[in-house]
N, C-alpha and C. Protein backbone atom coordinates (compact mmCIF):
# COMPACT_ATOMS: atom_id res chain seq x y z
N MET A 1 -18.96 -38.80 -8.87
CA MET A 1 -18.51 -37.53 -9.39
C MET A 1 -17.02 -37.59 -9.75
N LEU A 2 -16.25 -38.24 -8.92
CA LEU A 2 -14.82 -38.38 -9.18
C LEU A 2 -14.61 -39.21 -10.45
N ARG A 3 -15.43 -40.24 -10.61
CA ARG A 3 -15.31 -41.09 -11.79
C ARG A 3 -15.55 -40.28 -13.06
N TYR A 4 -16.58 -39.44 -13.06
CA TYR A 4 -16.89 -38.61 -14.22
C TYR A 4 -15.73 -37.65 -14.51
N THR A 5 -15.19 -37.05 -13.48
CA THR A 5 -14.08 -36.11 -13.64
C THR A 5 -12.86 -36.81 -14.23
N LEU A 6 -12.56 -38.00 -13.73
CA LEU A 6 -11.41 -38.74 -14.25
C LEU A 6 -11.63 -39.17 -15.70
N MET A 7 -12.85 -39.57 -16.02
CA MET A 7 -13.15 -39.95 -17.41
C MET A 7 -13.03 -38.74 -18.33
N ARG A 8 -13.50 -37.61 -17.87
CA ARG A 8 -13.41 -36.38 -18.67
C ARG A 8 -11.95 -36.00 -18.87
N LEU A 9 -11.16 -36.10 -17.81
CA LEU A 9 -9.74 -35.81 -17.91
C LEU A 9 -9.05 -36.78 -18.87
N GLY A 10 -9.44 -38.05 -18.83
CA GLY A 10 -8.87 -39.04 -19.74
C GLY A 10 -9.16 -38.72 -21.19
N ILE A 11 -10.39 -38.28 -21.47
CA ILE A 11 -10.73 -37.89 -22.84
C ILE A 11 -9.90 -36.70 -23.27
N PHE A 12 -9.73 -35.73 -22.37
CA PHE A 12 -8.93 -34.56 -22.71
C PHE A 12 -7.47 -34.96 -22.99
N VAL A 13 -6.90 -35.80 -22.14
CA VAL A 13 -5.51 -36.22 -22.33
C VAL A 13 -5.37 -36.97 -23.65
N GLY A 14 -6.32 -37.83 -23.97
CA GLY A 14 -6.30 -38.54 -25.24
C GLY A 14 -6.34 -37.58 -26.42
N CYS A 15 -7.23 -36.59 -26.35
CA CYS A 15 -7.32 -35.58 -27.42
C CYS A 15 -6.03 -34.77 -27.50
N PHE A 16 -5.45 -34.45 -26.35
CA PHE A 16 -4.20 -33.69 -26.33
C PHE A 16 -3.09 -34.46 -27.03
N VAL A 17 -2.99 -35.75 -26.74
CA VAL A 17 -1.95 -36.57 -27.36
C VAL A 17 -2.17 -36.66 -28.87
N VAL A 18 -3.42 -36.85 -29.28
CA VAL A 18 -3.72 -36.94 -30.72
C VAL A 18 -3.41 -35.62 -31.42
N VAL A 19 -3.87 -34.51 -30.83
CA VAL A 19 -3.62 -33.20 -31.44
C VAL A 19 -2.12 -32.92 -31.49
N TRP A 20 -1.41 -33.24 -30.42
CA TRP A 20 0.04 -33.02 -30.40
C TRP A 20 0.71 -33.83 -31.52
N GLY A 21 0.27 -35.06 -31.69
CA GLY A 21 0.81 -35.90 -32.76
C GLY A 21 0.52 -35.32 -34.14
N LEU A 22 -0.69 -34.82 -34.32
CA LEU A 22 -1.06 -34.22 -35.61
C LEU A 22 -0.27 -32.94 -35.88
N VAL A 23 -0.06 -32.13 -34.85
CA VAL A 23 0.73 -30.91 -35.03
C VAL A 23 2.19 -31.26 -35.27
N TYR A 24 2.69 -32.22 -34.53
CA TYR A 24 4.10 -32.62 -34.67
C TYR A 24 4.37 -33.19 -36.07
N SER A 25 3.41 -33.93 -36.60
CA SER A 25 3.60 -34.53 -37.92
C SER A 25 3.32 -33.54 -39.05
N GLY A 26 2.77 -32.38 -38.73
CA GLY A 26 2.53 -31.35 -39.73
C GLY A 26 1.17 -31.42 -40.39
N ILE A 27 0.31 -32.32 -39.97
CA ILE A 27 -1.03 -32.44 -40.55
C ILE A 27 -1.89 -31.23 -40.13
N VAL A 28 -1.75 -30.82 -38.86
CA VAL A 28 -2.44 -29.64 -38.34
C VAL A 28 -1.39 -28.55 -38.20
N PRO A 29 -1.72 -27.32 -38.61
CA PRO A 29 -0.70 -26.26 -38.55
C PRO A 29 -0.26 -25.94 -37.12
N ARG A 30 0.99 -25.55 -37.00
CA ARG A 30 1.53 -25.13 -35.71
C ARG A 30 1.00 -23.75 -35.37
N GLY A 31 1.08 -23.40 -34.09
CA GLY A 31 0.68 -22.06 -33.67
C GLY A 31 1.70 -21.04 -34.13
N LEU A 32 1.40 -19.78 -33.89
CA LEU A 32 2.29 -18.70 -34.29
C LEU A 32 3.44 -18.57 -33.29
N GLY A 33 4.63 -18.53 -33.74
CA GLY A 33 5.80 -18.32 -32.88
C GLY A 33 5.92 -19.39 -31.81
N ASP A 34 5.96 -18.94 -30.55
CA ASP A 34 6.11 -19.85 -29.42
C ASP A 34 4.78 -20.32 -28.85
N SER A 35 3.69 -20.06 -29.53
CA SER A 35 2.37 -20.40 -28.99
C SER A 35 1.95 -21.83 -29.30
N ASN A 36 2.85 -22.68 -29.73
CA ASN A 36 2.50 -24.03 -30.13
C ASN A 36 1.84 -24.81 -28.99
N GLY A 37 2.38 -24.71 -27.78
CA GLY A 37 1.80 -25.44 -26.63
C GLY A 37 0.39 -24.98 -26.32
N ILE A 38 0.18 -23.68 -26.34
CA ILE A 38 -1.16 -23.15 -26.08
C ILE A 38 -2.11 -23.56 -27.21
N TRP A 39 -1.64 -23.54 -28.44
CA TRP A 39 -2.45 -23.95 -29.59
C TRP A 39 -2.92 -25.39 -29.42
N VAL A 40 -1.99 -26.28 -29.06
CA VAL A 40 -2.33 -27.70 -28.88
C VAL A 40 -3.32 -27.85 -27.73
N LEU A 41 -3.09 -27.15 -26.64
CA LEU A 41 -3.97 -27.21 -25.47
C LEU A 41 -5.39 -26.75 -25.82
N LEU A 42 -5.50 -25.61 -26.46
CA LEU A 42 -6.82 -25.08 -26.82
C LEU A 42 -7.54 -25.97 -27.82
N LEU A 43 -6.82 -26.46 -28.79
CA LEU A 43 -7.42 -27.34 -29.78
C LEU A 43 -7.91 -28.64 -29.13
N ALA A 44 -7.13 -29.17 -28.19
CA ALA A 44 -7.55 -30.38 -27.47
C ALA A 44 -8.79 -30.11 -26.63
N LEU A 45 -8.87 -28.93 -26.02
CA LEU A 45 -10.07 -28.57 -25.24
C LEU A 45 -11.30 -28.48 -26.14
N VAL A 46 -11.15 -27.84 -27.27
CA VAL A 46 -12.28 -27.66 -28.19
C VAL A 46 -12.76 -29.01 -28.73
N ILE A 47 -11.85 -29.92 -28.97
CA ILE A 47 -12.23 -31.23 -29.50
C ILE A 47 -12.79 -32.14 -28.41
N SER A 48 -12.21 -32.09 -27.22
CA SER A 48 -12.64 -33.00 -26.15
C SER A 48 -13.99 -32.63 -25.56
N ALA A 49 -14.37 -31.36 -25.59
CA ALA A 49 -15.65 -30.95 -24.99
C ALA A 49 -16.86 -31.64 -25.63
N PRO A 50 -17.03 -31.57 -26.95
CA PRO A 50 -18.21 -32.26 -27.51
C PRO A 50 -18.12 -33.79 -27.39
N ILE A 51 -16.89 -34.32 -27.46
CA ILE A 51 -16.74 -35.78 -27.30
C ILE A 51 -17.21 -36.18 -25.91
N SER A 52 -16.76 -35.45 -24.89
CA SER A 52 -17.17 -35.74 -23.51
C SER A 52 -18.68 -35.59 -23.35
N PHE A 53 -19.23 -34.56 -23.98
CA PHE A 53 -20.68 -34.31 -23.86
C PHE A 53 -21.48 -35.50 -24.37
N VAL A 54 -21.05 -36.08 -25.47
CA VAL A 54 -21.79 -37.21 -26.06
C VAL A 54 -21.45 -38.53 -25.38
N VAL A 55 -20.17 -38.80 -25.20
CA VAL A 55 -19.73 -40.11 -24.70
C VAL A 55 -20.08 -40.29 -23.22
N LEU A 56 -19.98 -39.23 -22.44
CA LEU A 56 -20.16 -39.36 -20.98
C LEU A 56 -21.56 -38.97 -20.51
N ARG A 57 -22.54 -39.01 -21.41
CA ARG A 57 -23.90 -38.60 -21.04
C ARG A 57 -24.45 -39.42 -19.87
N LYS A 58 -24.33 -40.74 -19.92
CA LYS A 58 -24.87 -41.58 -18.85
C LYS A 58 -24.13 -41.35 -17.53
N GLU A 59 -22.82 -41.22 -17.62
CA GLU A 59 -22.04 -40.98 -16.41
C GLU A 59 -22.36 -39.61 -15.81
N ARG A 60 -22.58 -38.61 -16.66
CA ARG A 60 -22.94 -37.27 -16.19
C ARG A 60 -24.31 -37.30 -15.51
N ASP A 61 -25.25 -38.06 -16.07
CA ASP A 61 -26.56 -38.19 -15.45
C ASP A 61 -26.47 -38.87 -14.09
N ARG A 62 -25.62 -39.90 -14.01
CA ARG A 62 -25.40 -40.58 -12.73
C ARG A 62 -24.81 -39.62 -11.70
N ALA A 63 -23.82 -38.85 -12.10
CA ALA A 63 -23.20 -37.88 -11.19
C ALA A 63 -24.21 -36.82 -10.76
N SER A 64 -25.04 -36.40 -11.70
CA SER A 64 -26.07 -35.41 -11.39
C SER A 64 -27.06 -35.95 -10.36
N GLU A 65 -27.45 -37.20 -10.50
CA GLU A 65 -28.36 -37.81 -9.53
C GLU A 65 -27.73 -37.87 -8.14
N GLN A 66 -26.45 -38.18 -8.07
CA GLN A 66 -25.76 -38.20 -6.78
C GLN A 66 -25.75 -36.81 -6.15
N ILE A 67 -25.51 -35.80 -6.96
CA ILE A 67 -25.50 -34.44 -6.44
C ILE A 67 -26.88 -34.03 -5.94
N VAL A 68 -27.91 -34.38 -6.70
CA VAL A 68 -29.28 -34.06 -6.30
C VAL A 68 -29.62 -34.75 -4.98
N ARG A 69 -29.22 -36.01 -4.83
CA ARG A 69 -29.47 -36.72 -3.57
C ARG A 69 -28.78 -36.03 -2.41
N ARG A 70 -27.53 -35.62 -2.61
CA ARG A 70 -26.78 -34.95 -1.53
C ARG A 70 -27.43 -33.62 -1.16
N VAL A 71 -27.87 -32.87 -2.18
CA VAL A 71 -28.51 -31.58 -1.92
C VAL A 71 -29.82 -31.80 -1.18
N ASP A 72 -30.62 -32.77 -1.61
CA ASP A 72 -31.88 -33.06 -0.93
C ASP A 72 -31.66 -33.48 0.51
N LYS A 73 -30.63 -34.29 0.74
CA LYS A 73 -30.32 -34.72 2.11
C LYS A 73 -29.89 -33.53 2.96
N ALA A 74 -29.09 -32.64 2.40
CA ALA A 74 -28.65 -31.46 3.14
C ALA A 74 -29.84 -30.55 3.46
N LYS A 75 -30.76 -30.40 2.48
CA LYS A 75 -31.96 -29.60 2.72
C LYS A 75 -32.81 -30.21 3.83
N ALA A 76 -32.95 -31.53 3.81
CA ALA A 76 -33.74 -32.21 4.85
C ALA A 76 -33.10 -32.02 6.22
N ASN A 77 -31.78 -32.11 6.28
CA ASN A 77 -31.08 -31.89 7.56
C ASN A 77 -31.26 -30.46 8.04
N LEU A 78 -31.17 -29.49 7.13
CA LEU A 78 -31.37 -28.10 7.52
C LEU A 78 -32.79 -27.87 8.03
N GLU A 79 -33.76 -28.48 7.34
CA GLU A 79 -35.15 -28.33 7.76
C GLU A 79 -35.37 -28.97 9.13
N ALA A 80 -34.76 -30.12 9.36
CA ALA A 80 -34.87 -30.77 10.66
C ALA A 80 -34.26 -29.90 11.75
N ASN A 81 -33.12 -29.28 11.47
CA ASN A 81 -32.49 -28.39 12.45
C ASN A 81 -33.36 -27.17 12.72
N ARG A 82 -33.97 -26.62 11.67
CA ARG A 82 -34.87 -25.47 11.86
C ARG A 82 -36.05 -25.85 12.72
N ASN A 83 -36.61 -27.04 12.46
CA ASN A 83 -37.76 -27.49 13.26
C ASN A 83 -37.37 -27.68 14.71
N GLN A 84 -36.18 -28.22 14.97
CA GLN A 84 -35.72 -28.38 16.35
C GLN A 84 -35.56 -27.02 17.02
N GLU A 85 -35.01 -26.05 16.29
CA GLU A 85 -34.85 -24.71 16.85
C GLU A 85 -36.20 -24.07 17.11
N ASP A 86 -37.15 -24.26 16.20
CA ASP A 86 -38.48 -23.70 16.38
C ASP A 86 -39.16 -24.30 17.61
N VAL A 87 -39.04 -25.60 17.78
CA VAL A 87 -39.65 -26.26 18.94
C VAL A 87 -38.99 -25.76 20.22
N ALA A 88 -37.67 -25.66 20.23
CA ALA A 88 -36.97 -25.17 21.42
C ALA A 88 -37.35 -23.72 21.70
N ASP A 89 -37.48 -22.91 20.66
CA ASP A 89 -37.86 -21.51 20.84
C ASP A 89 -39.29 -21.40 21.36
N ASP A 90 -40.21 -22.19 20.78
CA ASP A 90 -41.60 -22.17 21.24
C ASP A 90 -41.70 -22.62 22.69
N THR A 91 -40.94 -23.64 23.04
CA THR A 91 -40.94 -24.14 24.42
C THR A 91 -40.42 -23.07 25.37
N ALA A 92 -39.35 -22.41 25.00
CA ALA A 92 -38.77 -21.37 25.85
C ALA A 92 -39.73 -20.19 25.99
N ARG A 93 -40.44 -19.87 24.93
CA ARG A 93 -41.38 -18.75 25.01
C ARG A 93 -42.59 -19.08 25.89
N THR A 94 -43.08 -20.32 25.79
CA THR A 94 -44.25 -20.68 26.60
C THR A 94 -43.88 -20.86 28.06
N GLN A 95 -42.68 -21.31 28.34
CA GLN A 95 -42.25 -21.51 29.73
C GLN A 95 -41.60 -20.26 30.30
N GLY A 96 -41.22 -19.35 29.44
CA GLY A 96 -40.50 -18.16 29.86
C GLY A 96 -41.25 -17.30 30.85
N PRO A 97 -42.48 -16.85 30.55
CA PRO A 97 -43.20 -15.98 31.49
C PRO A 97 -43.50 -16.67 32.81
N VAL A 98 -43.78 -17.96 32.81
CA VAL A 98 -44.06 -18.70 34.03
C VAL A 98 -42.81 -18.73 34.90
N ALA A 99 -41.68 -19.06 34.29
CA ALA A 99 -40.42 -19.12 35.04
C ALA A 99 -40.03 -17.75 35.53
N GLN A 100 -40.25 -16.70 34.75
CA GLN A 100 -39.91 -15.35 35.18
C GLN A 100 -40.82 -14.91 36.32
N GLY A 101 -42.09 -15.28 36.26
CA GLY A 101 -43.02 -14.95 37.33
C GLY A 101 -42.64 -15.64 38.62
N GLN A 102 -42.21 -16.87 38.56
CA GLN A 102 -41.80 -17.59 39.76
C GLN A 102 -40.54 -17.00 40.33
N GLN A 103 -39.62 -16.55 39.51
CA GLN A 103 -38.40 -15.92 39.99
C GLN A 103 -38.74 -14.59 40.67
N ALA A 104 -39.67 -13.84 40.13
CA ALA A 104 -40.03 -12.56 40.72
C ALA A 104 -40.68 -12.79 42.06
N GLN A 105 -41.51 -13.80 42.22
CA GLN A 105 -42.15 -14.09 43.50
C GLN A 105 -41.12 -14.53 44.53
N GLY A 106 -40.13 -15.30 44.08
CA GLY A 106 -39.08 -15.77 45.00
C GLY A 106 -38.22 -14.63 45.47
N GLN A 107 -38.04 -13.60 44.69
CA GLN A 107 -37.18 -12.47 45.06
C GLN A 107 -37.91 -11.55 46.01
N THR A 108 -39.21 -11.41 45.90
CA THR A 108 -39.94 -10.50 46.77
C THR A 108 -40.28 -11.13 48.10
N SER A 109 -40.23 -12.44 48.21
CA SER A 109 -40.61 -13.10 49.47
C SER A 109 -39.55 -13.03 50.50
């Protein structure tokens, strides 16, 4: 997951540098007034998103599989904990009346 994030960030930084160069050289128009930095940032985001979508498809699938494995493992652990609690609760319920009856007999004797 970290690898995918770093690759995506790298594509964005590359697009930002290219867009900044194009704006600085006058090929792409500058933003209005003092909005030049925001203009370059937004344009780089718009350009980098589809590039990342296409170029990082395999890496995104790999990251998705890792997330699915982690979620499945967490679900299995939760289910195991629930089963342990159910067994402990069932055991306490079946032994509860017997133990309470023995305590009541011990108190009256």
